[in-house]
Amino acid sequence: MNTGQTMITVLALALLSVITMRYYDTVGQSGRTLSKMGAGFTATTIATSVLEQVENCAFDAYSDTANSALDSTRFTKPDKLGLEAGDPPKWDWKHYDDVDDFNNDTIPITPGWMNEVYLVALQVYYVNPYGNIETKIRGSSDKATYVKRIDVKVWRSVPKLDSAEVFDTVQVSNLHGYFFYNPM
């Protein structure tokens, strides 16, 4: 083999190495993209499930036991939203009996089919149904009303993503209103 053939062989191997490294980099990027997409899909599923769980609870601790229409002045005061004094500790779904028990709570959830941990942050507050209910600052009410807004935020905490990659938090909000119907 002469010098020219050796140089061509070295160049061919270098070109093959560059192509191979580029291929594996693309495969790796696809894997990270799929992982982020899967995390977003799972976070959306968790947010929906948690929101449904919250909506299955009574509107307020007082409306849970009442059998007649209530005046909104009897509802839990806005600064007292959260677990009541007699409620059991957090993170046991069956012990949350009304919507505002979830206020300012962060719940870790591990889906049974995967090895990931998602954090769910909940906020519950009264809103003025005649105001701007899209934003907390202008839409929130400093007095009890017949409408509560539930904000659910979900993000994957384990495994952590690369610092260069940012996984957006899934945010879901819903309004929960109190309406008493008595057919008699």
N, C-alpha and C. Protein backbone atom coordinates (compact mmCIF):
# COMPACT_ATOMS: atom_id res chain seq x y z
N MET A 1 0.84 -1.16 0.00
CA MET A 1 0.00 0.00 0.00
C MET A 1 0.90 1.24 0.00
N ASN A 2 0.65 2.14 -0.92
CA ASN A 2 1.50 3.32 -0.97
C ASN A 2 0.90 4.46 -0.14
N THR A 3 1.56 5.57 -0.07
CA THR A 3 1.17 6.69 0.78
C THR A 3 -0.19 7.27 0.37
N GLY A 4 -0.48 7.33 -0.88
CA GLY A 4 -1.76 7.86 -1.37
C GLY A 4 -2.93 7.00 -0.92
N GLN A 5 -2.75 5.68 -1.03
CA GLN A 5 -3.82 4.78 -0.60
C GLN A 5 -4.03 4.85 0.92
N THR A 6 -2.98 5.02 1.67
CA THR A 6 -3.07 5.13 3.12
C THR A 6 -3.82 6.40 3.51
N MET A 7 -3.52 7.50 2.83
CA MET A 7 -4.21 8.76 3.11
C MET A 7 -5.70 8.67 2.79
N ILE A 8 -6.05 8.03 1.69
CA ILE A 8 -7.46 7.86 1.32
C ILE A 8 -8.17 6.99 2.35
N THR A 9 -7.50 5.94 2.82
CA THR A 9 -8.09 5.06 3.83
C THR A 9 -8.32 5.81 5.14
N VAL A 10 -7.36 6.61 5.56
CA VAL A 10 -7.50 7.39 6.80
C VAL A 10 -8.65 8.40 6.66
N LEU A 11 -8.74 9.06 5.52
CA LEU A 11 -9.83 10.01 5.29
C LEU A 11 -11.19 9.31 5.27
N ALA A 12 -11.25 8.14 4.67
CA ALA A 12 -12.50 7.38 4.62
C ALA A 12 -12.94 6.98 6.03
N LEU A 13 -11.99 6.53 6.86
CA LEU A 13 -12.31 6.16 8.24
C LEU A 13 -12.74 7.38 9.06
N ALA A 14 -12.10 8.52 8.83
CA ALA A 14 -12.48 9.75 9.53
C ALA A 14 -13.90 10.17 9.13
N LEU A 15 -14.21 10.10 7.84
CA LEU A 15 -15.55 10.44 7.36
C LEU A 15 -16.58 9.47 7.92
N LEU A 16 -16.28 8.20 7.98
CA LEU A 16 -17.17 7.20 8.55
C LEU A 16 -17.41 7.48 10.04
N SER A 17 -16.37 7.89 10.75
CA SER A 17 -16.49 8.21 12.18
C SER A 17 -17.41 9.42 12.39
N VAL A 18 -17.25 10.45 11.57
CA VAL A 18 -18.09 11.65 11.68
C VAL A 18 -19.55 11.30 11.40
N ILE A 19 -19.80 10.52 10.37
CA ILE A 19 -21.17 10.12 10.02
C ILE A 19 -21.78 9.28 11.14
N THR A 20 -21.01 8.36 11.68
CA THR A 20 -21.51 7.51 12.76
C THR A 20 -21.82 8.33 14.01
N MET A 21 -20.94 9.27 14.37
CA MET A 21 -21.18 10.09 15.56
C MET A 21 -22.42 10.97 15.36
N ARG A 22 -22.59 11.51 14.16
CA ARG A 22 -23.77 12.33 13.87
C ARG A 22 -25.04 11.49 13.96
N TYR A 23 -25.00 10.29 13.48
CA TYR A 23 -26.15 9.38 13.54
C TYR A 23 -26.55 9.12 14.99
N TYR A 24 -25.59 8.78 15.84
CA TYR A 24 -25.89 8.47 17.23
C TYR A 24 -26.32 9.71 18.01
N ASP A 25 -25.81 10.88 17.64
CA ASP A 25 -26.28 12.11 18.26
C ASP A 25 -27.74 12.35 17.92
N THR A 26 -28.13 12.13 16.68
CA THR A 26 -29.52 12.28 16.26
C THR A 26 -30.43 11.28 16.98
N VAL A 27 -29.97 10.05 17.13
CA VAL A 27 -30.75 9.04 17.85
C VAL A 27 -30.92 9.46 19.31
N GLY A 28 -29.86 9.98 19.91
CA GLY A 28 -29.93 10.45 21.30
C GLY A 28 -30.88 11.62 21.47
N GLN A 29 -30.84 12.57 20.53
CA GLN A 29 -31.77 13.71 20.58
C GLN A 29 -33.21 13.23 20.45
N SER A 30 -33.45 12.26 19.60
CA SER A 30 -34.80 11.71 19.44
C SER A 30 -35.28 11.07 20.73
N GLY A 31 -34.38 10.38 21.40
CA GLY A 31 -34.72 9.74 22.67
C GLY A 31 -35.09 10.77 23.73
N ARG A 32 -34.33 11.87 23.81
CA ARG A 32 -34.64 12.93 24.77
C ARG A 32 -35.97 13.60 24.44
N THR A 33 -36.21 13.82 23.16
CA THR A 33 -37.47 14.43 22.75
C THR A 33 -38.65 13.52 23.10
N LEU A 34 -38.51 12.24 22.85
CA LEU A 34 -39.57 11.30 23.21
C LEU A 34 -39.78 11.25 24.71
N SER A 35 -38.71 11.33 25.48
CA SER A 35 -38.82 11.33 26.94
C SER A 35 -39.58 12.56 27.43
N LYS A 36 -39.24 13.73 26.89
CA LYS A 36 -39.95 14.95 27.27
C LYS A 36 -41.41 14.89 26.86
N MET A 37 -41.68 14.36 25.67
CA MET A 37 -43.05 14.24 25.21
C MET A 37 -43.84 13.30 26.10
N GLY A 38 -43.23 12.18 26.46
CA GLY A 38 -43.89 11.22 27.34
C GLY A 38 -44.15 11.81 28.72
N ALA A 39 -43.20 12.61 29.23
CA ALA A 39 -43.39 13.26 30.53
C ALA A 39 -44.52 14.27 30.46
N GLY A 40 -44.60 15.00 29.37
CA GLY A 40 -45.70 15.96 29.21
C GLY A 40 -47.05 15.28 29.12
N PHE A 41 -47.11 14.18 28.40
CA PHE A 41 -48.35 13.43 28.28
C PHE A 41 -48.76 12.86 29.64
N THR A 42 -47.81 12.29 30.37
CA THR A 42 -48.10 11.73 31.69
C THR A 42 -48.51 12.83 32.66
N ALA A 43 -47.84 13.98 32.63
CA ALA A 43 -48.20 15.09 33.51
C ALA A 43 -49.62 15.59 33.22
N THR A 44 -50.00 15.63 31.95
CA THR A 44 -51.35 16.04 31.58
C THR A 44 -52.38 15.04 32.10
N THR A 45 -52.07 13.76 31.99
CA THR A 45 -52.97 12.72 32.49
C THR A 45 -53.12 12.83 34.01
N ILE A 46 -52.01 13.05 34.70
CA ILE A 46 -52.06 13.19 36.16
C ILE A 46 -52.87 14.43 36.55
N ALA A 47 -52.65 15.55 35.87
CA ALA A 47 -53.39 16.78 36.17
C ALA A 47 -54.89 16.58 36.01
N THR A 48 -55.27 15.90 34.94
CA THR A 48 -56.69 15.63 34.71
C THR A 48 -57.26 14.73 35.79
N SER A 49 -56.53 13.71 36.16
CA SER A 49 -57.00 12.78 37.20
C SER A 49 -57.14 13.46 38.55
N VAL A 50 -56.16 14.28 38.90
CA VAL A 50 -56.22 15.00 40.19
C VAL A 50 -57.37 15.99 40.18
N LEU A 51 -57.56 16.69 39.08
CA LEU A 51 -58.66 17.65 38.99
C LEU A 51 -60.01 16.95 39.13
N GLU A 52 -60.15 15.79 38.53
CA GLU A 52 -61.39 15.02 38.68
C GLU A 52 -61.59 14.59 40.14
N GLN A 53 -60.50 14.20 40.80
CA GLN A 53 -60.58 13.82 42.21
C GLN A 53 -61.03 14.99 43.07
N VAL A 54 -60.49 16.16 42.80
CA VAL A 54 -60.85 17.36 43.56
C VAL A 54 -62.33 17.70 43.32
N GLU A 55 -62.76 17.62 42.08
CA GLU A 55 -64.13 17.98 41.76
C GLU A 55 -65.16 17.02 42.34
N ASN A 56 -64.75 15.82 42.72
CA ASN A 56 -65.67 14.86 43.34
C ASN A 56 -65.90 15.17 44.82
N CYS A 57 -65.18 16.11 45.38
CA CYS A 57 -65.35 16.49 46.77
C CYS A 57 -66.45 17.55 46.89
N ALA A 58 -66.94 17.71 48.11
CA ALA A 58 -67.94 18.74 48.38
C ALA A 58 -67.35 20.12 48.14
N PHE A 59 -68.21 21.09 47.86
CA PHE A 59 -67.74 22.45 47.61
C PHE A 59 -67.06 23.04 48.84
N ASP A 60 -67.61 22.80 50.01
CA ASP A 60 -67.09 23.38 51.24
C ASP A 60 -67.42 22.44 52.40
N ALA A 61 -66.73 22.60 53.51
CA ALA A 61 -66.99 21.76 54.67
C ALA A 61 -68.41 21.96 55.17
N TYR A 62 -68.94 23.17 55.05
CA TYR A 62 -70.30 23.43 55.51
C TYR A 62 -71.34 22.90 54.54
N SER A 63 -71.08 22.97 53.25
CA SER A 63 -72.05 22.47 52.28
C SER A 63 -72.08 20.95 52.25
N ASP A 64 -71.04 20.32 52.76
CA ASP A 64 -70.97 18.86 52.79
C ASP A 64 -72.03 18.26 53.71
N THR A 65 -72.33 18.92 54.79
CA THR A 65 -73.28 18.39 55.77
C THR A 65 -74.63 19.09 55.74
N ALA A 66 -74.77 20.13 54.97
CA ALA A 66 -76.02 20.88 54.94
C ALA A 66 -77.03 20.21 54.03
N ASN A 67 -78.29 20.35 54.38
CA ASN A 67 -79.35 19.83 53.52
C ASN A 67 -80.27 20.95 53.08
N SER A 68 -79.78 22.15 53.10
CA SER A 68 -80.52 23.30 52.60
C SER A 68 -79.54 24.27 51.96
N ALA A 69 -80.08 25.22 51.23
CA ALA A 69 -79.22 26.21 50.57
C ALA A 69 -78.49 27.03 51.63
N LEU A 70 -77.25 27.36 51.35
CA LEU A 70 -76.43 28.10 52.30
C LEU A 70 -76.14 29.49 51.79
N ASP A 71 -76.03 30.38 52.73
CA ASP A 71 -75.57 31.72 52.42
C ASP A 71 -74.05 31.65 52.32
N SER A 72 -73.45 32.35 51.40
CA SER A 72 -72.00 32.25 51.21
C SER A 72 -71.21 32.73 52.43
N THR A 73 -71.85 33.43 53.35
CA THR A 73 -71.15 33.88 54.55
C THR A 73 -70.81 32.70 55.46
N ARG A 74 -71.43 31.54 55.26
CA ARG A 74 -71.15 30.37 56.09
C ARG A 74 -70.01 29.52 55.53
N PHE A 75 -69.57 29.83 54.32
CA PHE A 75 -68.47 29.07 53.72
C PHE A 75 -67.16 29.38 54.45
N THR A 76 -66.17 28.53 54.24
CA THR A 76 -64.85 28.74 54.82
C THR A 76 -64.29 30.08 54.34
N LYS A 77 -63.73 30.83 55.27
CA LYS A 77 -63.16 32.13 54.93
C LYS A 77 -61.95 31.95 54.01
N PRO A 78 -61.71 32.90 53.11
CA PRO A 78 -60.60 32.76 52.16
C PRO A 78 -59.24 32.52 52.81
N ASP A 79 -58.99 33.10 53.97
CA ASP A 79 -57.69 32.91 54.61
C ASP A 79 -57.61 31.59 55.38
N LYS A 80 -58.70 30.84 55.45
CA LYS A 80 -58.73 29.56 56.15
C LYS A 80 -58.82 28.36 55.19
N LEU A 81 -58.71 28.60 53.89
CA LEU A 81 -58.79 27.51 52.93
C LEU A 81 -57.62 26.54 53.15
N GLY A 82 -57.91 25.27 53.15
CA GLY A 82 -56.91 24.24 53.40
C GLY A 82 -57.50 23.18 54.30
N LEU A 83 -56.66 22.29 54.80
CA LEU A 83 -57.14 21.24 55.69
C LEU A 83 -57.68 21.85 56.98
N GLU A 84 -58.85 21.36 57.41
CA GLU A 84 -59.40 21.82 58.68
C GLU A 84 -58.65 21.16 59.83
N ALA A 85 -58.84 21.68 61.02
CA ALA A 85 -58.10 21.20 62.19
C ALA A 85 -58.31 19.71 62.44
N GLY A 86 -59.50 19.19 62.21
CA GLY A 86 -59.77 17.79 62.50
C GLY A 86 -59.46 16.84 61.36
N ASP A 87 -59.02 17.38 60.22
CA ASP A 87 -58.75 16.51 59.07
C ASP A 87 -57.47 15.70 59.29
N PRO A 88 -57.46 14.47 58.77
CA PRO A 88 -56.24 13.63 58.88
C PRO A 88 -55.10 14.23 58.08
N PRO A 89 -53.89 13.66 58.22
CA PRO A 89 -52.73 14.19 57.50
C PRO A 89 -52.90 14.16 55.98
N LYS A 90 -52.04 14.87 55.30
CA LYS A 90 -52.09 14.99 53.84
C LYS A 90 -51.75 13.67 53.15
N TRP A 91 -52.01 13.65 51.86
CA TRP A 91 -51.61 12.62 50.89
C TRP A 91 -52.37 11.32 51.01
N ASP A 92 -53.51 11.33 51.66
CA ASP A 92 -54.38 10.16 51.65
C ASP A 92 -55.69 10.63 51.02
N TRP A 93 -55.91 10.26 49.77
CA TRP A 93 -57.02 10.79 48.98
C TRP A 93 -58.36 10.67 49.68
N LYS A 94 -58.59 9.59 50.40
CA LYS A 94 -59.92 9.38 50.99
C LYS A 94 -60.21 10.35 52.14
N HIS A 95 -59.19 11.08 52.62
CA HIS A 95 -59.41 11.99 53.73
C HIS A 95 -59.68 13.44 53.28
N TYR A 96 -59.55 13.71 52.02
CA TYR A 96 -59.89 15.04 51.53
C TYR A 96 -61.40 15.05 51.32
N ASP A 97 -62.12 15.83 52.12
CA ASP A 97 -63.58 15.78 52.03
C ASP A 97 -64.20 16.97 51.33
N ASP A 98 -63.47 18.06 51.19
CA ASP A 98 -64.01 19.19 50.43
C ASP A 98 -62.90 19.84 49.61
N VAL A 99 -63.32 20.65 48.65
CA VAL A 99 -62.41 21.20 47.64
C VAL A 99 -61.27 21.98 48.26
N ASP A 100 -61.57 22.80 49.26
CA ASP A 100 -60.51 23.67 49.78
C ASP A 100 -59.48 22.93 50.62
N ASP A 101 -59.68 21.64 50.93
CA ASP A 101 -58.65 20.86 51.63
C ASP A 101 -57.37 20.75 50.79
N PHE A 102 -57.50 20.92 49.50
CA PHE A 102 -56.35 20.78 48.60
C PHE A 102 -55.53 22.06 48.47
N ASN A 103 -55.99 23.15 49.07
CA ASN A 103 -55.31 24.43 48.90
C ASN A 103 -53.87 24.39 49.44
N ASN A 104 -52.95 24.93 48.65
CA ASN A 104 -51.52 25.02 48.98
C ASN A 104 -50.91 23.66 49.33
N ASP A 105 -51.35 22.63 48.65
CA ASP A 105 -50.84 21.29 48.89
C ASP A 105 -49.97 20.87 47.72
N THR A 106 -48.90 20.16 48.00
CA THR A 106 -48.05 19.58 46.97
C THR A 106 -47.99 18.08 47.22
N ILE A 107 -48.42 17.32 46.23
CA ILE A 107 -48.56 15.88 46.39
C ILE A 107 -47.63 15.17 45.42
N PRO A 108 -46.78 14.27 45.90
CA PRO A 108 -45.95 13.47 44.99
C PRO A 108 -46.76 12.28 44.47
N ILE A 109 -46.70 12.06 43.18
CA ILE A 109 -47.44 10.95 42.57
C ILE A 109 -46.47 10.13 41.72
N THR A 110 -46.46 8.83 41.95
CA THR A 110 -45.67 7.91 41.14
C THR A 110 -46.63 7.02 40.37
N PRO A 111 -46.75 7.22 39.06
CA PRO A 111 -47.63 6.34 38.29
C PRO A 111 -47.16 4.90 38.41
N GLY A 112 -48.08 3.99 38.56
CA GLY A 112 -47.75 2.61 38.82
C GLY A 112 -46.98 1.91 37.72
N TRP A 113 -47.02 2.41 36.53
CA TRP A 113 -46.39 1.72 35.40
C TRP A 113 -45.00 2.26 35.07
N MET A 114 -44.51 3.23 35.84
CA MET A 114 -43.21 3.80 35.48
C MET A 114 -42.40 4.15 36.72
N ASN A 115 -41.16 4.48 36.50
CA ASN A 115 -40.22 4.77 37.58
C ASN A 115 -39.96 6.27 37.64
N GLU A 116 -41.01 7.06 37.64
CA GLU A 116 -40.89 8.51 37.66
C GLU A 116 -41.76 9.05 38.80
N VAL A 117 -41.38 10.21 39.31
CA VAL A 117 -42.16 10.88 40.35
C VAL A 117 -42.57 12.25 39.82
N TYR A 118 -43.84 12.54 39.93
CA TYR A 118 -44.37 13.83 39.52
C TYR A 118 -44.88 14.57 40.74
N LEU A 119 -44.66 15.86 40.78
CA LEU A 119 -45.18 16.68 41.86
C LEU A 119 -46.40 17.44 41.36
N VAL A 120 -47.44 17.44 42.18
CA VAL A 120 -48.70 18.12 41.86
C VAL A 120 -48.90 19.22 42.89
N ALA A 121 -48.92 20.47 42.45
CA ALA A 121 -49.17 21.60 43.34
C ALA A 121 -50.58 22.12 43.06
N LEU A 122 -51.35 22.26 44.12
CA LEU A 122 -52.73 22.71 43.99
C LEU A 122 -52.94 24.02 44.72
N GLN A 123 -53.78 24.85 44.15
CA GLN A 123 -54.19 26.08 44.78
C GLN A 123 -55.68 26.24 44.57
N VAL A 124 -56.37 26.57 45.63
CA VAL A 124 -57.81 26.77 45.58
C VAL A 124 -58.10 28.15 46.16
N TYR A 125 -58.93 28.92 45.47
CA TYR A 125 -59.30 30.24 45.98
C TYR A 125 -60.65 30.63 45.42
N TYR A 126 -61.32 31.51 46.16
CA TYR A 126 -62.61 32.03 45.71
C TYR A 126 -62.37 33.02 44.58
N VAL A 127 -63.30 33.06 43.65
CA VAL A 127 -63.22 34.04 42.58
C VAL A 127 -64.52 34.80 42.51
N ASN A 128 -64.41 36.00 42.04
CA ASN A 128 -65.59 36.82 41.80
C ASN A 128 -66.15 36.41 40.45
N PRO A 129 -67.34 35.79 40.40
CA PRO A 129 -67.84 35.32 39.11
C PRO A 129 -68.13 36.44 38.12
N TYR A 130 -68.16 37.67 38.60
CA TYR A 130 -68.42 38.80 37.72
C TYR A 130 -67.13 39.53 37.34
N GLY A 131 -66.01 39.05 37.84
CA GLY A 131 -64.72 39.68 37.54
C GLY A 131 -63.95 38.87 36.51
N ASN A 132 -62.67 39.15 36.40
CA ASN A 132 -61.80 38.45 35.48
C ASN A 132 -61.31 37.17 36.17
N ILE A 133 -61.90 36.05 35.84
CA ILE A 133 -61.56 34.79 36.51
C ILE A 133 -60.35 34.11 35.89
N GLU A 134 -59.75 34.73 34.87
CA GLU A 134 -58.60 34.14 34.21
C GLU A 134 -57.31 34.32 34.99
N THR A 135 -57.23 35.36 35.79
CA THR A 135 -56.01 35.61 36.54
C THR A 135 -56.32 35.61 38.02
N LYS A 136 -55.41 35.10 38.80
CA LYS A 136 -55.63 35.02 40.24
C LYS A 136 -55.69 36.39 40.88
N ILE A 137 -54.83 37.29 40.48
CA ILE A 137 -54.74 38.59 41.16
C ILE A 137 -56.02 39.39 40.97
N ARG A 138 -56.48 39.53 39.74
CA ARG A 138 -57.67 40.33 39.51
C ARG A 138 -58.96 39.54 39.70
N GLY A 139 -58.87 38.21 39.60
CA GLY A 139 -60.09 37.42 39.68
C GLY A 139 -60.38 36.89 41.06
N SER A 140 -59.37 36.86 41.94
CA SER A 140 -59.60 36.29 43.26
C SER A 140 -60.45 37.24 44.09
N SER A 141 -61.13 36.64 45.05
CA SER A 141 -62.03 37.40 45.89
C SER A 141 -61.53 37.33 47.32
N ASP A 142 -61.65 38.44 48.03
CA ASP A 142 -61.24 38.46 49.44
C ASP A 142 -62.37 38.06 50.37
N LYS A 143 -63.48 37.61 49.79
CA LYS A 143 -64.59 37.09 50.59
C LYS A 143 -65.11 35.81 49.94
N ALA A 144 -65.82 35.03 50.72
CA ALA A 144 -66.34 33.76 50.21
C ALA A 144 -67.41 34.02 49.16
N THR A 145 -67.33 33.28 48.05
CA THR A 145 -68.34 33.36 47.00
C THR A 145 -68.81 31.95 46.68
N TYR A 146 -69.68 31.83 45.73
CA TYR A 146 -70.20 30.53 45.33
C TYR A 146 -69.34 29.85 44.27
N VAL A 147 -68.21 30.45 43.94
CA VAL A 147 -67.33 29.90 42.91
C VAL A 147 -65.89 29.84 43.43
N LYS A 148 -65.26 28.66 43.29
CA LYS A 148 -63.86 28.48 43.64
C LYS A 148 -63.11 28.10 42.37
N ARG A 149 -61.89 28.61 42.25
CA ARG A 149 -61.04 28.23 41.14
C ARG A 149 -59.99 27.26 41.67
N ILE A 150 -59.75 26.21 40.92
CA ILE A 150 -58.78 25.18 41.28
C ILE A 150 -57.66 25.23 40.24
N ASP A 151 -56.44 25.51 40.69
CA ASP A 151 -55.27 25.52 39.81
C ASP A 151 -54.42 24.30 40.14
N VAL A 152 -54.13 23.51 39.12
CA VAL A 152 -53.31 22.31 39.28
C VAL A 152 -52.08 22.47 38.40
N LYS A 153 -50.89 22.29 39.00
CA LYS A 153 -49.63 22.35 38.27
C LYS A 153 -48.91 21.03 38.50
N VAL A 154 -48.42 20.43 37.41
CA VAL A 154 -47.74 19.14 37.49
C VAL A 154 -46.41 19.22 36.75
N TRP A 155 -45.36 18.68 37.37
CA TRP A 155 -44.06 18.58 36.72
C TRP A 155 -43.35 17.33 37.20
N ARG A 156 -42.47 16.84 36.35
CA ARG A 156 -41.70 15.64 36.70
C ARG A 156 -40.52 16.05 37.56
N SER A 157 -40.39 15.41 38.74
CA SER A 157 -39.27 15.75 39.62
C SER A 157 -38.19 14.67 39.59
N VAL A 158 -38.55 13.42 39.28
CA VAL A 158 -37.57 12.32 39.22
C VAL A 158 -37.90 11.49 37.99
N PRO A 159 -37.01 11.18 37.11
CA PRO A 159 -35.63 11.63 37.05
C PRO A 159 -35.55 13.07 36.56
N LYS A 160 -34.55 13.75 37.00
CA LYS A 160 -34.35 15.14 36.60
C LYS A 160 -33.94 15.19 35.14
N LEU A 161 -34.39 16.22 34.48
CA LEU A 161 -33.96 16.44 33.10
C LEU A 161 -32.63 17.16 33.10
N ASP A 162 -31.95 17.13 31.97
CA ASP A 162 -30.69 17.86 31.84
C ASP A 162 -30.94 19.34 32.12
N SER A 163 -29.95 19.99 32.68
CA SER A 163 -30.12 21.41 33.01
C SER A 163 -30.36 22.26 31.76
N ALA A 164 -29.86 21.81 30.62
CA ALA A 164 -30.04 22.56 29.38
C ALA A 164 -31.47 22.42 28.86
N GLU A 165 -32.15 21.36 29.25
CA GLU A 165 -33.49 21.14 28.77
C GLU A 165 -34.49 21.56 29.83
N VAL A 166 -35.52 22.24 29.42
CA VAL A 166 -36.54 22.69 30.35
C VAL A 166 -37.85 21.98 30.02
N PHE A 167 -38.42 21.34 31.04
CA PHE A 167 -39.72 20.70 30.87
C PHE A 167 -40.76 21.65 31.42
N ASP A 168 -41.65 22.08 30.59
CA ASP A 168 -42.68 23.01 31.02
C ASP A 168 -43.65 22.32 31.97
N THR A 169 -44.07 23.06 32.96
CA THR A 169 -45.05 22.58 33.91
C THR A 169 -46.41 22.56 33.24
N VAL A 170 -47.13 21.47 33.42
CA VAL A 170 -48.50 21.38 32.92
C VAL A 170 -49.40 22.11 33.90
N GLN A 171 -50.20 23.05 33.41
CA GLN A 171 -51.09 23.82 34.27
C GLN A 171 -52.52 23.65 33.78
N VAL A 172 -53.39 23.27 34.72
CA VAL A 172 -54.80 23.10 34.40
C VAL A 172 -55.60 23.84 35.46
N SER A 173 -56.62 24.54 35.05
CA SER A 173 -57.48 25.26 35.98
C SER A 173 -58.93 24.93 35.68
N ASN A 174 -59.75 25.00 36.72
CA ASN A 174 -61.17 24.75 36.55
C ASN A 174 -61.93 25.53 37.60
N LEU A 175 -63.17 25.85 37.29
CA LEU A 175 -64.04 26.52 38.24
C LEU A 175 -64.98 25.50 38.85
N HIS A 176 -65.19 25.63 40.14
CA HIS A 176 -66.08 24.73 40.87
C HIS A 176 -67.10 25.61 41.59
N GLY A 177 -68.36 25.45 41.23
CA GLY A 177 -69.40 26.29 41.80
C GLY A 177 -70.33 25.53 42.71
N TYR A 178 -70.95 26.25 43.63
CA TYR A 178 -71.91 25.65 44.56
C TYR A 178 -73.32 25.98 44.08
N PHE A 179 -74.11 24.95 43.93
CA PHE A 179 -75.50 25.11 43.55
C PHE A 179 -76.29 24.08 44.31
N PHE A 180 -77.29 24.53 45.04
CA PHE A 180 -78.12 23.62 45.80
C PHE A 180 -79.45 23.47 45.09
N TYR A 181 -79.83 22.24 44.81
CA TYR A 181 -81.11 21.97 44.14
C TYR A 181 -82.00 21.18 45.09
N ASN A 182 -83.15 21.71 45.36
CA ASN A 182 -84.12 21.04 46.20
C ASN A 182 -85.41 20.91 45.42
N PRO A 183 -85.76 19.71 44.96
CA PRO A 183 -86.96 19.56 44.13
C PRO A 183 -88.26 19.76 44.89
N MET A 184 -88.23 19.82 46.20
CA MET A 184 -89.46 19.97 47.00
C MET A 184 -89.85 21.40 47.14
